[in-house]
Amino acid sequence: MKKIIISSVVVAIAIISVIFFACNKEKETSEKQASASAQNFIKLAHEGAVTHNEGLEYVYARLAEIKISENPLAVVENLTLDFIKTHSFFKSDIDAASKAAKTVFDKFTYYKKHQTKSSSTLWLEADESLLTTSQKMWLTQVNDVIDQNDDVILMAKSLDKIRDLVIKEGSEQEQYITIIAIEVTKETMDYWYNNYPEWERLLSEKPSKGWSWKDAAKSDVTGAIGGAIGGALGGGGAGAIPGAIGGACITSACNIVGQAMENWFGW
């Protein structure tokens, strides 16, 4: 009888062990697949962020060639839309990216003209209800990194830590917008840190009262968040990236021209 009981216990332990290890293996496989998916999305988001910088260079080059009219907002909007139509990154998402850019442009310029105090967030009031509590927490951390750092290399490292936390704790839907915002932040901070003097010289005919390269960079991120929200609502993660990049391009250029020519905007 003892042998039977011992044998039964051994068999039970063996079965439990098999189930335990099988579950662990399944969990490891699932985590690896999730990690691979996140890494692929990061790669696409980074490509989009680099494309965003190319969009700023496109707008800069065109502004240097033409005489800006009395409606510089319209000039920036049209140049950004031209870039979206001609760049290969948007070839399969031109309509979605253009629509997101126009929507973000309208919201961004409205709030810039009508806000009674400067916002301490990276997102517009109109987009707040579409962000989760976790997304707002991570984006607030991104904003703090921007405010507390001038070294873009150290800034990128801090942002990567936030991104890793997002991948670990965020849902797939939460990751889309937050990862895009982080990748755009890294690229735009690097761009404006190195290029804002050229923009200031280009637009120095009517100099601004104050100049902030970080404010221009933050506008990029604001546009990326708004564009990603619009793009994700229409096409999930795949739609979030082109929408974000279109939105980032248009808000950043509007911000920098607005800083340099405040009397044209009334900002």
C-alpha atoms as a PDB file:
ATOM      1  CA  MET A   1       0.000   0.000   0.000  1.00  0.00           C
ATOM      2  CA  LYS A   2       2.842   2.389   0.883  1.00  0.00           C
ATOM      3  CA  LYS A   3       4.450   1.732  -2.506  1.00  0.00           C
ATOM      4  CA  ILE A   4       1.180   2.543  -4.262  1.00  0.00           C
ATOM      5  CA  ILE A   5       0.811   5.804  -2.308  1.00  0.00           C
ATOM      6  CA  ILE A   6       4.427   6.769  -2.948  1.00  0.00           C
ATOM      7  CA  SER A   7       4.066   5.942  -6.632  1.00  0.00           C
ATOM      8  CA  SER A   8       0.885   8.023  -6.827  1.00  0.00           C
ATOM      9  CA  VAL A   9       2.616  10.976  -5.176  1.00  0.00           C
ATOM     10  CA  VAL A  10       5.559  10.705  -7.548  1.00  0.00           C
ATOM     11  CA  VAL A  11       3.239  10.575 -10.549  1.00  0.00           C
ATOM     12  CA  ALA A  12       1.286  13.571  -9.241  1.00  0.00           C
ATOM     13  CA  ILE A  13       4.482  15.558  -8.705  1.00  0.00           C
ATOM     14  CA  ALA A  14       5.658  14.621 -12.188  1.00  0.00           C
ATOM     15  CA  ILE A  15       2.362  15.745 -13.728  1.00  0.00           C
ATOM     16  CA  ILE A  16       2.429  19.031 -11.800  1.00  0.00           C
ATOM     17  CA  SER A  17       6.041  19.597 -12.851  1.00  0.00           C
ATOM     18  CA  VAL A  18       5.197  18.991 -16.500  1.00  0.00           C
ATOM     19  CA  ILE A  19       2.251  21.395 -16.294  1.00  0.00           C
ATOM     20  CA  PHE A  20       4.360  23.994 -14.458  1.00  0.00           C
ATOM     21  CA  PHE A  21       7.202  23.879 -16.954  1.00  0.00           C
ATOM     22  CA  ALA A  22       4.781  23.841 -19.886  1.00  0.00           C
ATOM     23  CA  CYS A  23       3.063  26.953 -18.532  1.00  0.00           C
ATOM     24  CA  ASN A  24       6.410  28.639 -17.950  1.00  0.00           C
ATOM     25  CA  LYS A  25       7.497  27.760 -21.482  1.00  0.00           C
ATOM     26  CA  GLU A  26       4.261  29.154 -22.885  1.00  0.00           C
ATOM     27  CA  LYS A  27       4.703  32.316 -20.827  1.00  0.00           C
ATOM     28  CA  GLU A  28       8.310  32.717 -22.014  1.00  0.00           C
ATOM     29  CA  THR A  29       7.235  32.238 -25.623  1.00  0.00           C
ATOM     30  CA  SER A  30       4.438  34.785 -25.212  1.00  0.00           C
ATOM     31  CA  GLU A  31       6.813  37.299 -23.604  1.00  0.00           C
ATOM     32  CA  LYS A  32       9.378  36.802 -26.375  1.00  0.00           C
ATOM     33  CA  GLN A  33       6.699  37.346 -29.024  1.00  0.00           C
ATOM     34  CA  ALA A  34       5.481  40.495 -27.236  1.00  0.00           C
ATOM     35  CA  SER A  35       9.050  41.748 -26.941  1.00  0.00           C
ATOM     36  CA  ALA A  36       9.729  41.065 -30.632  1.00  0.00           C
ATOM     37  CA  SER A  37       6.538  42.904 -31.571  1.00  0.00           C
ATOM     38  CA  ALA A  38       7.500  45.877 -29.390  1.00  0.00           C
ATOM     39  CA  GLN A  39      11.031  45.982 -30.825  1.00  0.00           C
ATOM     40  CA  ASN A  40       9.651  45.944 -34.361  1.00  0.00           C
ATOM     41  CA  PHE A  41       7.305  48.794 -33.504  1.00  0.00           C
ATOM     42  CA  ILE A  42      10.186  50.749 -31.962  1.00  0.00           C
ATOM     43  CA  LYS A  43      12.133  50.304 -35.196  1.00  0.00           C
ATOM     44  CA  LEU A  44       9.225  51.638 -37.265  1.00  0.00           C
ATOM     45  CA  ALA A  45       8.639  54.510 -34.836  1.00  0.00           C
ATOM     46  CA  HIS A  46      12.329  55.443 -34.986  1.00  0.00           C
ATOM     47  CA  GLU A  47      12.220  55.427 -38.789  1.00  0.00           C
ATOM     48  CA  GLY A  48       9.227  57.717 -38.604  1.00  0.00           C
ATOM     49  CA  ALA A  49      10.992  60.049 -36.162  1.00  0.00           C
ATOM     50  CA  VAL A  50      13.967  60.319 -38.519  1.00  0.00           C
ATOM     51  CA  THR A  51      11.547  61.046 -41.368  1.00  0.00           C
ATOM     52  CA  HIS A  52      10.056  63.814 -39.223  1.00  0.00           C
ATOM     53  CA  ASN A  53      13.470  65.503 -39.057  1.00  0.00           C
ATOM     54  CA  GLU A  54      13.716  65.248 -42.839  1.00  0.00           C
ATOM     55  CA  GLY A  55      10.334  66.971 -43.002  1.00  0.00           C
ATOM     56  CA  LEU A  56      11.663  69.877 -40.970  1.00  0.00           C
ATOM     57  CA  GLU A  57      14.624  70.160 -43.332  1.00  0.00           C
ATOM     58  CA  TYR A  58      12.234  70.154 -46.283  1.00  0.00           C
ATOM     59  CA  VAL A  59      10.165  72.984 -44.801  1.00  0.00           C
ATOM     60  CA  TYR A  60      13.321  74.910 -43.915  1.00  0.00           C
ATOM     61  CA  ALA A  61      14.704  74.625 -47.454  1.00  0.00           C
ATOM     62  CA  ARG A  62      11.424  75.738 -49.040  1.00  0.00           C
ATOM     63  CA  LEU A  63      11.064  78.672 -46.642  1.00  0.00           C
ATOM     64  CA  ALA A  64      14.577  79.754 -47.591  1.00  0.00           C
ATOM     65  CA  GLU A  65      13.551  79.827 -51.275  1.00  0.00           C
ATOM     66  CA  ILE A  66      10.263  81.693 -51.049  1.00  0.00           C
ATOM     67  CA  LYS A  67       9.014  84.971 -49.656  1.00  0.00           C
ATOM     68  CA  ILE A  68       6.722  84.178 -46.750  1.00  0.00           C
ATOM     69  CA  SER A  69       3.258  85.656 -47.217  1.00  0.00           C
ATOM     70  CA  GLU A  70       1.158  87.445 -44.655  1.00  0.00           C
ATOM     71  CA  ASN A  71      -0.249  84.063 -43.666  1.00  0.00           C
ATOM     72  CA  PRO A  72       2.816  82.030 -42.637  1.00  0.00           C
ATOM     73  CA  LEU A  73       0.639  79.391 -40.986  1.00  0.00           C
ATOM     74  CA  ALA A  74      -0.859  78.473 -44.333  1.00  0.00           C
ATOM     75  CA  VAL A  75       2.614  78.366 -45.897  1.00  0.00           C
ATOM     76  CA  VAL A  76       3.883  75.941 -43.251  1.00  0.00           C
ATOM     77  CA  GLU A  77       0.759  73.809 -43.525  1.00  0.00           C
ATOM     78  CA  ASN A  78       1.035  73.521 -47.311  1.00  0.00           C
ATOM     79  CA  LEU A  79       4.761  72.777 -47.243  1.00  0.00           C
ATOM     80  CA  THR A  80       4.242  70.018 -44.684  1.00  0.00           C
ATOM     81  CA  LEU A  81       1.453  68.474 -46.735  1.00  0.00           C
ATOM     82  CA  ASP A  82       3.699  68.630 -49.823  1.00  0.00           C
ATOM     83  CA  PHE A  83       6.376  66.736 -47.908  1.00  0.00           C
ATOM     84  CA  ILE A  84       3.895  64.051 -46.871  1.00  0.00           C
ATOM     85  CA  LYS A  85       2.769  63.619 -50.474  1.00  0.00           C
ATOM     86  CA  THR A  86       6.293  63.237 -51.835  1.00  0.00           C
ATOM     87  CA  HIS A  87       8.195  61.233 -49.196  1.00  0.00           C
ATOM     88  CA  SER A  88       8.366  57.448 -49.602  1.00  0.00           C
ATOM     89  CA  PHE A  89       7.701  56.882 -45.888  1.00  0.00           C
ATOM     90  CA  PHE A  90       4.062  57.900 -46.403  1.00  0.00           C
ATOM     91  CA  LYS A  91       3.517  56.185 -49.770  1.00  0.00           C
ATOM     92  CA  SER A  92       0.791  53.841 -48.486  1.00  0.00           C
ATOM     93  CA  ASP A  93      -0.617  56.242 -45.883  1.00  0.00           C
ATOM     94  CA  ILE A  94      -0.664  59.637 -47.587  1.00  0.00           C
ATOM     95  CA  ASP A  95      -4.349  60.281 -46.934  1.00  0.00           C
ATOM     96  CA  ALA A  96      -4.192  59.169 -43.294  1.00  0.00           C
ATOM     97  CA  ALA A  97      -1.041  61.182 -42.574  1.00  0.00           C
ATOM     98  CA  SER A  98      -2.396  64.271 -44.341  1.00  0.00           C
ATOM     99  CA  LYS A  99      -5.686  64.058 -42.476  1.00  0.00           C
ATOM    100  CA  ALA A 100      -3.902  63.668 -39.142  1.00  0.00           C
ATOM    101  CA  ALA A 101      -1.606  66.597 -39.927  1.00  0.00           C
ATOM    102  CA  LYS A 102      -4.533  68.866 -40.820  1.00  0.00           C
ATOM    103  CA  THR A 103      -6.459  67.884 -37.701  1.00  0.00           C
ATOM    104  CA  VAL A 104      -3.461  68.448 -35.438  1.00  0.00           C
ATOM    105  CA  PHE A 105      -2.699  71.747 -37.201  1.00  0.00           C
ATOM    106  CA  ASP A 106      -6.211  73.047 -36.504  1.00  0.00           C
ATOM    107  CA  LYS A 107      -6.153  71.977 -32.836  1.00  0.00           C
ATOM    108  CA  PHE A 108      -2.613  73.194 -32.233  1.00  0.00           C
ATOM    109  CA  THR A 109      -3.081  76.666 -33.731  1.00  0.00           C
ATOM    110  CA  TYR A 110      -6.440  77.085 -31.986  1.00  0.00           C
ATOM    111  CA  TYR A 111      -5.025  76.327 -28.559  1.00  0.00           C
ATOM    112  CA  LYS A 112      -1.928  78.438 -29.154  1.00  0.00           C
ATOM    113  CA  LYS A 113      -4.120  81.425 -29.949  1.00  0.00           C
ATOM    114  CA  HIS A 114      -6.720  80.922 -27.236  1.00  0.00           C
ATOM    115  CA  GLN A 115      -4.921  79.384 -24.261  1.00  0.00           C
ATOM    116  CA  THR A 116      -4.893  81.666 -21.223  1.00  0.00           C
ATOM    117  CA  LYS A 117      -1.772  80.107 -19.703  1.00  0.00           C
ATOM    118  CA  SER A 118       1.044  77.932 -20.912  1.00  0.00           C
ATOM    119  CA  SER A 119       0.408  74.212 -20.656  1.00  0.00           C
ATOM    120  CA  SER A 120       2.645  72.027 -18.528  1.00  0.00           C
ATOM    121  CA  THR A 121       1.723  68.881 -20.467  1.00  0.00           C
ATOM    122  CA  LEU A 122       2.919  67.465 -23.766  1.00  0.00           C
ATOM    123  CA  TRP A 123      -0.624  66.794 -24.955  1.00  0.00           C
ATOM    124  CA  LEU A 124      -3.345  69.201 -25.976  1.00  0.00           C
ATOM    125  CA  GLU A 125      -6.461  69.569 -23.875  1.00  0.00           C
ATOM    126  CA  ALA A 126      -8.523  68.163 -26.729  1.00  0.00           C
ATOM    127  CA  ASP A 127      -6.530  64.912 -26.627  1.00  0.00           C
ATOM    128  CA  GLU A 128      -6.455  64.415 -22.854  1.00  0.00           C
ATOM    129  CA  SER A 129      -9.597  62.270 -22.619  1.00  0.00           C
ATOM    130  CA  LEU A 130      -8.167  59.908 -25.241  1.00  0.00           C
ATOM    131  CA  LEU A 131      -5.072  59.112 -23.173  1.00  0.00           C
ATOM    132  CA  THR A 132      -5.002  56.589 -20.328  1.00  0.00           C
ATOM    133  CA  THR A 133      -3.788  57.430 -16.839  1.00  0.00           C
ATOM    134  CA  SER A 134      -0.631  55.400 -17.475  1.00  0.00           C
ATOM    135  CA  GLN A 135       0.078  57.166 -20.770  1.00  0.00           C
ATOM    136  CA  LYS A 136      -0.241  60.557 -19.114  1.00  0.00           C
ATOM    137  CA  MET A 137       2.090  59.431 -16.332  1.00  0.00           C
ATOM    138  CA  TRP A 138       4.770  58.276 -18.810  1.00  0.00           C
ATOM    139  CA  LEU A 139       4.393  61.361 -20.996  1.00  0.00           C
ATOM    140  CA  THR A 140       4.743  63.561 -17.906  1.00  0.00           C
ATOM    141  CA  GLN A 141       8.013  61.756 -17.201  1.00  0.00           C
ATOM    142  CA  VAL A 142       9.106  62.470 -20.783  1.00  0.00           C
ATOM    143  CA  ASN A 143       8.281  66.142 -20.268  1.00  0.00           C
ATOM    144  CA  ASP A 144      10.345  66.171 -17.057  1.00  0.00           C
ATOM    145  CA  VAL A 145      13.325  64.660 -18.893  1.00  0.00           C
ATOM    146  CA  ILE A 146      13.133  67.450 -21.482  1.00  0.00           C
ATOM    147  CA  ASP A 147      12.952  70.149 -18.821  1.00  0.00           C
ATOM    148  CA  GLN A 148      15.756  68.766 -16.672  1.00  0.00           C
ATOM    149  CA  ASN A 149      18.338  67.991 -19.357  1.00  0.00           C
ATOM    150  CA  ASP A 150      20.333  69.894 -21.984  1.00  0.00           C
ATOM    151  CA  ASP A 151      22.585  66.980 -22.893  1.00  0.00           C
ATOM    152  CA  VAL A 152      20.723  65.164 -25.680  1.00  0.00           C
ATOM    153  CA  ILE A 153      22.740  61.957 -25.189  1.00  0.00           C
ATOM    154  CA  LEU A 154      21.839  61.694 -21.509  1.00  0.00           C
ATOM    155  CA  MET A 155      18.300  62.656 -22.396  1.00  0.00           C
ATOM    156  CA  ALA A 156      18.045  59.787 -24.881  1.00  0.00           C
ATOM    157  CA  LYS A 157      19.241  57.311 -22.249  1.00  0.00           C
ATOM    158  CA  SER A 158      16.621  58.531 -19.787  1.00  0.00           C
ATOM    159  CA  LEU A 159      13.926  58.287 -22.447  1.00  0.00           C
ATOM    160  CA  ASP A 160      14.958  54.733 -23.288  1.00  0.00           C
ATOM    161  CA  LYS A 161      14.423  53.784 -19.640  1.00  0.00           C
ATOM    162  CA  ILE A 162      10.886  55.177 -19.787  1.00  0.00           C
ATOM    163  CA  ARG A 163      10.296  53.314 -23.059  1.00  0.00           C
ATOM    164  CA  ASP A 164      11.443  50.029 -21.473  1.00  0.00           C
ATOM    165  CA  LEU A 165       8.988  50.608 -18.622  1.00  0.00           C
ATOM    166  CA  VAL A 166       6.191  51.243 -21.125  1.00  0.00           C
ATOM    167  CA  ILE A 167       6.957  47.954 -22.891  1.00  0.00           C
ATOM    168  CA  LYS A 168       7.006  46.106 -19.560  1.00  0.00           C
ATOM    169  CA  GLU A 169       3.859  47.590 -18.035  1.00  0.00           C
ATOM    170  CA  GLY A 170       1.753  49.057 -20.843  1.00  0.00           C
ATOM    171  CA  SER A 171      -0.913  47.401 -22.959  1.00  0.00           C
ATOM    172  CA  GLU A 172      -0.307  47.144 -26.690  1.00  0.00           C
ATOM    173  CA  GLN A 173      -2.614  50.086 -27.328  1.00  0.00           C
ATOM    174  CA  GLU A 174      -0.867  52.193 -24.682  1.00  0.00           C
ATOM    175  CA  GLN A 175       2.521  51.355 -26.151  1.00  0.00           C
ATOM    176  CA  TYR A 176       1.652  52.644 -29.637  1.00  0.00           C
ATOM    177  CA  ILE A 177       1.254  56.310 -28.781  1.00  0.00           C
ATOM    178  CA  THR A 178       3.794  56.432 -25.955  1.00  0.00           C
ATOM    179  CA  ILE A 179       6.630  54.750 -27.867  1.00  0.00           C
ATOM    180  CA  ILE A 180       6.067  57.017 -30.866  1.00  0.00           C
ATOM    181  CA  ALA A 181       6.151  60.078 -28.603  1.00  0.00           C
ATOM    182  CA  ILE A 182       9.412  58.906 -27.029  1.00  0.00           C
ATOM    183  CA  GLU A 183      11.125  58.186 -30.366  1.00  0.00           C
ATOM    184  CA  VAL A 184      10.016  61.556 -31.755  1.00  0.00           C
ATOM    185  CA  THR A 185      11.269  63.248 -28.593  1.00  0.00           C
ATOM    186  CA  LYS A 186      14.747  61.767 -28.997  1.00  0.00           C
ATOM    187  CA  GLU A 187      15.064  62.784 -32.636  1.00  0.00           C
ATOM    188  CA  THR A 188      13.494  66.222 -32.345  1.00  0.00           C
ATOM    189  CA  MET A 189      15.612  67.189 -29.334  1.00  0.00           C
ATOM    190  CA  ASP A 190      18.713  66.271 -31.283  1.00  0.00           C
ATOM    191  CA  TYR A 191      17.454  68.183 -34.342  1.00  0.00           C
ATOM    192  CA  TRP A 192      16.542  71.420 -32.597  1.00  0.00           C
ATOM    193  CA  TYR A 193      19.602  71.398 -30.357  1.00  0.00           C
ATOM    194  CA  ASN A 194      21.793  71.383 -33.470  1.00  0.00           C
ATOM    195  CA  ASN A 195      19.671  73.360 -35.943  1.00  0.00           C
ATOM    196  CA  TYR A 196      17.723  76.077 -34.149  1.00  0.00           C
ATOM    197  CA  PRO A 197      20.394  78.775 -34.875  1.00  0.00           C
ATOM    198  CA  GLU A 198      19.855  78.236 -38.619  1.00  0.00           C
ATOM    199  CA  TRP A 199      16.111  78.645 -38.237  1.00  0.00           C
ATOM    200  CA  GLU A 200      16.591  81.765 -36.148  1.00  0.00           C
ATOM    201  CA  ARG A 201      18.844  83.286 -38.806  1.00  0.00           C
ATOM    202  CA  LEU A 202      16.348  82.363 -41.520  1.00  0.00           C
ATOM    203  CA  LEU A 203      13.502  84.037 -39.658  1.00  0.00           C
ATOM    204  CA  SER A 204      15.410  86.906 -38.084  1.00  0.00           C
ATOM    205  CA  GLU A 205      13.812  89.687 -40.091  1.00  0.00           C
ATOM    206  CA  LYS A 206      11.194  89.959 -37.367  1.00  0.00           C
ATOM    207  CA  PRO A 207      12.968  88.607 -34.293  1.00  0.00           C
ATOM    208  CA  SER A 208      11.002  87.142 -31.432  1.00  0.00           C
ATOM    209  CA  LYS A 209      11.006  88.373 -27.859  1.00  0.00           C
ATOM    210  CA  GLY A 210      12.314  85.015 -26.719  1.00  0.00           C
ATOM    211  CA  TRP A 211      13.602  81.861 -28.351  1.00  0.00           C
ATOM    212  CA  SER A 212      13.277  78.311 -27.060  1.00  0.00           C
ATOM    213  CA  TRP A 213      14.511  75.282 -28.977  1.00  0.00           C
ATOM    214  CA  LYS A 214      12.945  73.061 -26.325  1.00  0.00           C
ATOM    215  CA  ASP A 215       9.556  74.668 -26.901  1.00  0.00           C
ATOM    216  CA  ALA A 216       9.849  73.838 -30.606  1.00  0.00           C
ATOM    217  CA  ALA A 217      10.811  70.265 -29.732  1.00  0.00           C
ATOM    218  CA  LYS A 218       7.913  69.918 -27.312  1.00  0.00           C
ATOM    219  CA  SER A 219       5.553  71.054 -30.050  1.00  0.00           C
ATOM    220  CA  ASP A 220       6.849  68.166 -32.151  1.00  0.00           C
ATOM    221  CA  VAL A 221       5.915  65.740 -29.415  1.00  0.00           C
ATOM    222  CA  THR A 222       2.514  67.369 -28.933  1.00  0.00           C
ATOM    223  CA  GLY A 223       1.839  66.995 -32.636  1.00  0.00           C
ATOM    224  CA  ALA A 224       3.092  63.404 -32.606  1.00  0.00           C
ATOM    225  CA  ILE A 225       0.725  62.503 -29.765  1.00  0.00           C
ATOM    226  CA  GLY A 226      -2.267  64.133 -31.455  1.00  0.00           C
ATOM    227  CA  GLY A 227      -1.409  62.627 -34.830  1.00  0.00           C
ATOM    228  CA  ALA A 228      -0.821  59.181 -33.323  1.00  0.00           C
ATOM    229  CA  ILE A 229      -4.200  59.297 -31.591  1.00  0.00           C
ATOM    230  CA  GLY A 230      -5.941  60.189 -34.842  1.00  0.00           C
ATOM    231  CA  GLY A 231      -3.981  57.615 -36.817  1.00  0.00           C
ATOM    232  CA  ALA A 232      -4.508  54.847 -34.259  1.00  0.00           C
ATOM    233  CA  LEU A 233      -8.249  55.472 -34.149  1.00  0.00           C
ATOM    234  CA  GLY A 234      -8.339  54.949 -37.903  1.00  0.00           C
ATOM    235  CA  GLY A 235      -5.819  52.154 -38.342  1.00  0.00           C
ATOM    236  CA  GLY A 236      -4.397  50.868 -35.051  1.00  0.00           C
ATOM    237  CA  GLY A 237      -0.646  50.807 -34.498  1.00  0.00           C
ATOM    238  CA  ALA A 238       0.083  50.886 -38.212  1.00  0.00           C
ATOM    239  CA  GLY A 239      -1.927  54.083 -38.619  1.00  0.00           C
ATOM    240  CA  ALA A 240      -0.472  55.692 -35.509  1.00  0.00           C
ATOM    241  CA  ILE A 241       3.031  56.152 -36.930  1.00  0.00           C
ATOM    242  CA  PRO A 242       2.298  58.071 -40.174  1.00  0.00           C
ATOM    243  CA  GLY A 243      -0.332  60.118 -38.342  1.00  0.00           C
ATOM    244  CA  ALA A 244       2.162  60.968 -35.609  1.00  0.00           C
ATOM    245  CA  ILE A 245       4.907  61.995 -38.004  1.00  0.00           C
ATOM    246  CA  GLY A 246       2.585  64.166 -40.054  1.00  0.00           C
ATOM    247  CA  GLY A 247       1.301  65.823 -36.883  1.00  0.00           C
ATOM    248  CA  ALA A 248       4.792  66.336 -35.473  1.00  0.00           C
ATOM    249  CA  CYS A 249       6.122  67.971 -38.646  1.00  0.00           C
ATOM    250  CA  ILE A 250       3.345  70.489 -38.875  1.00  0.00           C
ATOM    251  CA  THR A 251       3.249  71.590 -35.225  1.00  0.00           C
ATOM    252  CA  SER A 252       7.007  71.948 -34.916  1.00  0.00           C
ATOM    253  CA  ALA A 253       7.359  74.162 -37.976  1.00  0.00           C
ATOM    254  CA  CYS A 254       4.364  76.233 -36.862  1.00  0.00           C
ATOM    255  CA  ASN A 255       5.881  76.690 -33.420  1.00  0.00           C
ATOM    256  CA  ILE A 256       9.291  77.813 -34.610  1.00  0.00           C
ATOM    257  CA  VAL A 257       7.873  80.263 -37.165  1.00  0.00           C
ATOM    258  CA  GLY A 258       5.493  81.496 -34.469  1.00  0.00           C
ATOM    259  CA  GLN A 259       8.364  82.098 -32.066  1.00  0.00           C
ATOM    260  CA  ALA A 260      10.302  84.056 -34.642  1.00  0.00           C
ATOM    261  CA  MET A 261       7.345  86.092 -35.896  1.00  0.00           C
ATOM    262  CA  GLU A 262       5.081  86.522 -32.918  1.00  0.00           C
ATOM    263  CA  ASN A 263       3.380  89.603 -34.293  1.00  0.00           C
ATOM    264  CA  TRP A 264       2.142  87.592 -37.273  1.00  0.00           C
ATOM    265  CA  PHE A 265       0.422  85.066 -35.021  1.00  0.00           C
ATOM    266  CA  GLY A 266      -0.598  87.096 -32.026  1.00  0.00           C
ATOM    267  CA  TRP A 267       0.878  84.345 -29.790  1.00  0.00           C
END
